[in-house]
Amino acid sequence: MLKIIRTRVSKPEIASLLQLDIVAEPKHHWEGVLAGGYGSAEKGRVEVKAFLRFQADMIDGEGASHTFPSRLNGAPCTFAVTGRISAFGDVAFEVWFDDQECGRIPFTCTGQIAADWRTISGDWSCACFYGDACGCDGGGGTFELRRVDP
């Protein structure tokens, strides 16, 4: 038989129980390229600089590109990064650009982080930014990011 015991816990006690003592990992400086390989991105090259943090199995960060979108003529376009990393070094993350046209669809990246945590490489893809109005299937290619700081 299950016996229900009621206890009274004050709001301050609940608040203190919910306080998590999480120490955030520092963000590290990474630079690299998303190189076009097929589809609408075949001849593209997106150079990026980012600050990424790896916390447990999560990846988050932010950065900027001076080469994408090209219509900005070298002005920086910022982006956010969110994703996951497995215990085996498999990574999957999305890059969301802060741009009206190109920010509607993420660049999806999957790959591996090197054992020394200095290089991430793999494949990326992105659906068409313009949907049915364009008719293309988007594009993709390969990427490589290198950690710049020690």
C-alpha atoms as a PDB file:
ATOM      1  CA  MET A   1       0.000   0.000   0.000  1.00  0.00           C
ATOM      2  CA  LEU A   2       1.239   3.472  -0.885  1.00  0.00           C
ATOM      3  CA  LYS A   3       1.231   5.983   1.912  1.00  0.00           C
ATOM      4  CA  ILE A   4       1.245   9.692   1.031  1.00  0.00           C
ATOM      5  CA  ILE A   5       3.167  11.938   3.350  1.00  0.00           C
ATOM      6  CA  ARG A   6       2.637  15.655   3.093  1.00  0.00           C
ATOM      7  CA  THR A   7       5.354  18.071   4.047  1.00  0.00           C
ATOM      8  CA  ARG A   8       5.453  21.805   4.005  1.00  0.00           C
ATOM      9  CA  VAL A   9       8.338  23.477   2.281  1.00  0.00           C
ATOM     10  CA  SER A  10       8.646  27.232   2.222  1.00  0.00           C
ATOM     11  CA  LYS A  11       9.192  29.208  -0.963  1.00  0.00           C
ATOM     12  CA  PRO A  12      12.769  30.168   0.052  1.00  0.00           C
ATOM     13  CA  GLU A  13      13.553  26.493   0.706  1.00  0.00           C
ATOM     14  CA  ILE A  14      12.206  25.523  -2.707  1.00  0.00           C
ATOM     15  CA  ALA A  15      14.220  28.285  -4.329  1.00  0.00           C
ATOM     16  CA  SER A  16      17.421  27.133  -2.611  1.00  0.00           C
ATOM     17  CA  LEU A  17      16.776  23.522  -3.635  1.00  0.00           C
ATOM     18  CA  LEU A  18      16.429  24.606  -7.253  1.00  0.00           C
ATOM     19  CA  GLN A  19      19.688  26.536  -7.273  1.00  0.00           C
ATOM     20  CA  LEU A  20      22.137  24.599  -9.420  1.00  0.00           C
ATOM     21  CA  ASP A  21      25.814  25.150  -8.881  1.00  0.00           C
ATOM     22  CA  ILE A  22      26.863  24.906 -12.515  1.00  0.00           C
ATOM     23  CA  VAL A  23      30.220  26.297 -13.531  1.00  0.00           C
ATOM     24  CA  ALA A  24      30.132  27.252 -17.188  1.00  0.00           C
ATOM     25  CA  GLU A  25      33.017  26.159 -19.362  1.00  0.00           C
ATOM     26  CA  PRO A  26      34.855  29.036 -21.044  1.00  0.00           C
ATOM     27  CA  LYS A  27      34.208  29.807 -24.684  1.00  0.00           C
ATOM     28  CA  HIS A  28      37.147  29.228 -27.000  1.00  0.00           C
ATOM     29  CA  HIS A  29      38.074  31.042 -30.198  1.00  0.00           C
ATOM     30  CA  TRP A  30      37.619  28.983 -33.396  1.00  0.00           C
ATOM     31  CA  GLU A  31      38.124  29.975 -37.032  1.00  0.00           C
ATOM     32  CA  GLY A  32      37.413  28.114 -40.222  1.00  0.00           C
ATOM     33  CA  VAL A  33      35.625  27.653 -43.493  1.00  0.00           C
ATOM     34  CA  LEU A  34      32.401  26.143 -44.720  1.00  0.00           C
ATOM     35  CA  ALA A  35      33.391  25.226 -48.276  1.00  0.00           C
ATOM     36  CA  GLY A  36      30.685  24.740 -50.888  1.00  0.00           C
ATOM     37  CA  GLY A  37      30.624  21.411 -52.644  1.00  0.00           C
ATOM     38  CA  TYR A  38      27.237  20.918 -54.286  1.00  0.00           C
ATOM     39  CA  GLY A  39      23.930  22.561 -55.163  1.00  0.00           C
ATOM     40  CA  SER A  40      23.522  26.303 -54.820  1.00  0.00           C
ATOM     41  CA  ALA A  41      26.598  26.392 -52.548  1.00  0.00           C
ATOM     42  CA  GLU A  42      28.892  24.653 -55.041  1.00  0.00           C
ATOM     43  CA  LYS A  43      31.212  27.631 -55.505  1.00  0.00           C
ATOM     44  CA  GLY A  44      30.595  29.199 -52.101  1.00  0.00           C
ATOM     45  CA  ARG A  45      33.080  29.752 -49.321  1.00  0.00           C
ATOM     46  CA  VAL A  46      31.948  30.997 -45.913  1.00  0.00           C
ATOM     47  CA  GLU A  47      34.786  32.073 -43.633  1.00  0.00           C
ATOM     48  CA  VAL A  48      33.798  32.186 -39.957  1.00  0.00           C
ATOM     49  CA  LYS A  49      35.197  33.256 -36.604  1.00  0.00           C
ATOM     50  CA  ALA A  50      33.376  31.980 -33.540  1.00  0.00           C
ATOM     51  CA  PHE A  51      33.499  31.569 -29.795  1.00  0.00           C
ATOM     52  CA  LEU A  52      32.252  28.103 -28.849  1.00  0.00           C
ATOM     53  CA  ARG A  53      31.576  26.481 -25.491  1.00  0.00           C
ATOM     54  CA  PHE A  54      31.279  22.742 -24.851  1.00  0.00           C
ATOM     55  CA  GLN A  55      29.244  22.041 -21.706  1.00  0.00           C
ATOM     56  CA  ALA A  56      28.448  18.382 -20.991  1.00  0.00           C
ATOM     57  CA  ASP A  57      26.914  17.206 -24.286  1.00  0.00           C
ATOM     58  CA  MET A  58      25.958  20.674 -25.535  1.00  0.00           C
ATOM     59  CA  ILE A  59      27.643  23.128 -27.892  1.00  0.00           C
ATOM     60  CA  ASP A  60      26.737  26.805 -27.932  1.00  0.00           C
ATOM     61  CA  GLY A  61      28.343  29.967 -29.150  1.00  0.00           C
ATOM     62  CA  GLU A  62      28.306  32.929 -31.458  1.00  0.00           C
ATOM     63  CA  GLY A  63      30.428  34.375 -34.203  1.00  0.00           C
ATOM     64  CA  ALA A  64      30.547  36.347 -37.415  1.00  0.00           C
ATOM     65  CA  SER A  65      31.379  36.011 -41.086  1.00  0.00           C
ATOM     66  CA  HIS A  66      32.760  38.747 -43.330  1.00  0.00           C
ATOM     67  CA  THR A  67      32.208  36.637 -46.476  1.00  0.00           C
ATOM     68  CA  PHE A  68      28.541  35.632 -46.098  1.00  0.00           C
ATOM     69  CA  PRO A  69      26.129  36.754 -47.306  1.00  0.00           C
ATOM     70  CA  SER A  70      28.119  38.256 -50.159  1.00  0.00           C
ATOM     71  CA  ARG A  71      25.613  41.083 -50.693  1.00  0.00           C
ATOM     72  CA  LEU A  72      26.903  42.656 -47.455  1.00  0.00           C
ATOM     73  CA  ASN A  73      30.218  43.408 -49.239  1.00  0.00           C
ATOM     74  CA  GLY A  74      32.451  42.392 -46.332  1.00  0.00           C
ATOM     75  CA  ALA A  75      30.318  43.778 -43.515  1.00  0.00           C
ATOM     76  CA  PRO A  76      30.100  41.235 -40.679  1.00  0.00           C
ATOM     77  CA  CYS A  77      27.048  39.019 -40.389  1.00  0.00           C
ATOM     78  CA  THR A  78      26.719  37.557 -36.904  1.00  0.00           C
ATOM     79  CA  PHE A  79      25.415  34.095 -36.100  1.00  0.00           C
ATOM     80  CA  ALA A  80      24.510  31.787 -33.215  1.00  0.00           C
ATOM     81  CA  VAL A  81      25.587  28.153 -32.832  1.00  0.00           C
ATOM     82  CA  THR A  82      23.646  25.457 -30.987  1.00  0.00           C
ATOM     83  CA  GLY A  83      24.187  21.735 -30.994  1.00  0.00           C
ATOM     84  CA  ARG A  84      25.386  18.539 -29.369  1.00  0.00           C
ATOM     85  CA  ILE A  85      28.577  16.539 -28.938  1.00  0.00           C
ATOM     86  CA  SER A  86      28.696  12.840 -28.096  1.00  0.00           C
ATOM     87  CA  ALA A  87      31.104  11.058 -25.774  1.00  0.00           C
ATOM     88  CA  PHE A  88      32.758   9.700 -28.934  1.00  0.00           C
ATOM     89  CA  GLY A  89      33.441  13.162 -30.409  1.00  0.00           C
ATOM     90  CA  ASP A  90      30.565  13.200 -32.898  1.00  0.00           C
ATOM     91  CA  VAL A  91      29.219  16.727 -33.337  1.00  0.00           C
ATOM     92  CA  ALA A  92      25.946  18.020 -34.747  1.00  0.00           C
ATOM     93  CA  PHE A  93      25.208  21.727 -34.646  1.00  0.00           C
ATOM     94  CA  GLU A  94      23.285  24.448 -36.418  1.00  0.00           C
ATOM     95  CA  VAL A  95      24.571  27.855 -37.474  1.00  0.00           C
ATOM     96  CA  TRP A  96      21.829  30.503 -37.496  1.00  0.00           C
ATOM     97  CA  PHE A  97      22.834  33.718 -39.291  1.00  0.00           C
ATOM     98  CA  ASP A  98      21.338  37.029 -38.136  1.00  0.00           C
ATOM     99  CA  ASP A  99      20.074  37.996 -41.579  1.00  0.00           C
ATOM    100  CA  GLN A 100      16.531  38.492 -42.891  1.00  0.00           C
ATOM    101  CA  GLU A 101      17.005  36.279 -45.950  1.00  0.00           C
ATOM    102  CA  CYS A 102      19.642  33.801 -44.850  1.00  0.00           C
ATOM    103  CA  GLY A 103      18.589  33.531 -41.223  1.00  0.00           C
ATOM    104  CA  ARG A 104      15.360  31.644 -41.880  1.00  0.00           C
ATOM    105  CA  ILE A 105      17.136  28.323 -42.475  1.00  0.00           C
ATOM    106  CA  PRO A 106      20.112  27.001 -40.467  1.00  0.00           C
ATOM    107  CA  PHE A 107      23.350  25.645 -41.828  1.00  0.00           C
ATOM    108  CA  THR A 108      23.375  22.107 -40.391  1.00  0.00           C
ATOM    109  CA  CYS A 109      26.829  20.716 -39.601  1.00  0.00           C
ATOM    110  CA  THR A 110      27.748  17.144 -38.654  1.00  0.00           C
ATOM    111  CA  GLY A 111      31.218  15.768 -38.089  1.00  0.00           C
ATOM    112  CA  GLN A 112      33.918  14.920 -35.569  1.00  0.00           C
ATOM    113  CA  ILE A 113      36.047  16.805 -33.103  1.00  0.00           C
ATOM    114  CA  ALA A 114      39.690  15.690 -33.013  1.00  0.00           C
ATOM    115  CA  ALA A 115      40.947  13.849 -29.936  1.00  0.00           C
ATOM    116  CA  ASP A 116      43.039  16.906 -28.945  1.00  0.00           C
ATOM    117  CA  TRP A 117      39.957  19.190 -29.236  1.00  0.00           C
ATOM    118  CA  ARG A 118      41.766  21.498 -31.680  1.00  0.00           C
ATOM    119  CA  THR A 119      39.900  20.719 -34.941  1.00  0.00           C
ATOM    120  CA  ILE A 120      36.283  20.061 -35.886  1.00  0.00           C
ATOM    121  CA  SER A 121      35.545  18.856 -39.410  1.00  0.00           C
ATOM    122  CA  GLY A 122      32.702  17.303 -41.340  1.00  0.00           C
ATOM    123  CA  ASP A 123      29.869  18.090 -43.709  1.00  0.00           C
ATOM    124  CA  TRP A 124      27.342  20.897 -43.789  1.00  0.00           C
ATOM    125  CA  SER A 125      24.079  21.441 -45.649  1.00  0.00           C
ATOM    126  CA  CYS A 126      21.428  24.094 -45.954  1.00  0.00           C
ATOM    127  CA  ALA A 127      17.989  24.037 -47.548  1.00  0.00           C
ATOM    128  CA  CYS A 128      17.054  26.752 -50.026  1.00  0.00           C
ATOM    129  CA  PHE A 129      16.591  30.168 -48.399  1.00  0.00           C
ATOM    130  CA  TYR A 130      13.727  31.029 -50.760  1.00  0.00           C
ATOM    131  CA  GLY A 131      11.616  27.857 -50.571  1.00  0.00           C
ATOM    132  CA  ASP A 132       9.340  27.110 -53.509  1.00  0.00           C
ATOM    133  CA  ALA A 133       9.980  30.526 -55.078  1.00  0.00           C
ATOM    134  CA  CYS A 134      13.472  29.404 -56.135  1.00  0.00           C
ATOM    135  CA  GLY A 135      13.161  25.729 -56.954  1.00  0.00           C
ATOM    136  CA  CYS A 136      16.654  24.664 -55.879  1.00  0.00           C
ATOM    137  CA  ASP A 137      17.336  22.108 -53.170  1.00  0.00           C
ATOM    138  CA  GLY A 138      19.831  24.273 -51.320  1.00  0.00           C
ATOM    139  CA  GLY A 139      23.427  23.156 -51.032  1.00  0.00           C
ATOM    140  CA  GLY A 140      26.248  22.090 -48.831  1.00  0.00           C
ATOM    141  CA  GLY A 141      29.812  20.920 -48.635  1.00  0.00           C
ATOM    142  CA  THR A 142      32.516  20.348 -46.060  1.00  0.00           C
ATOM    143  CA  PHE A 143      33.688  22.410 -43.104  1.00  0.00           C
ATOM    144  CA  GLU A 144      36.720  22.677 -40.895  1.00  0.00           C
ATOM    145  CA  LEU A 145      37.118  24.752 -37.748  1.00  0.00           C
ATOM    146  CA  ARG A 146      40.404  25.154 -35.888  1.00  0.00           C
ATOM    147  CA  ARG A 147      40.743  26.308 -32.311  1.00  0.00           C
ATOM    148  CA  VAL A 148      42.884  29.443 -32.249  1.00  0.00           C
ATOM    149  CA  ASP A 149      43.437  30.013 -28.534  1.00  0.00           C
ATOM    150  CA  PRO A 150      45.562  27.707 -26.338  1.00  0.00           C
END
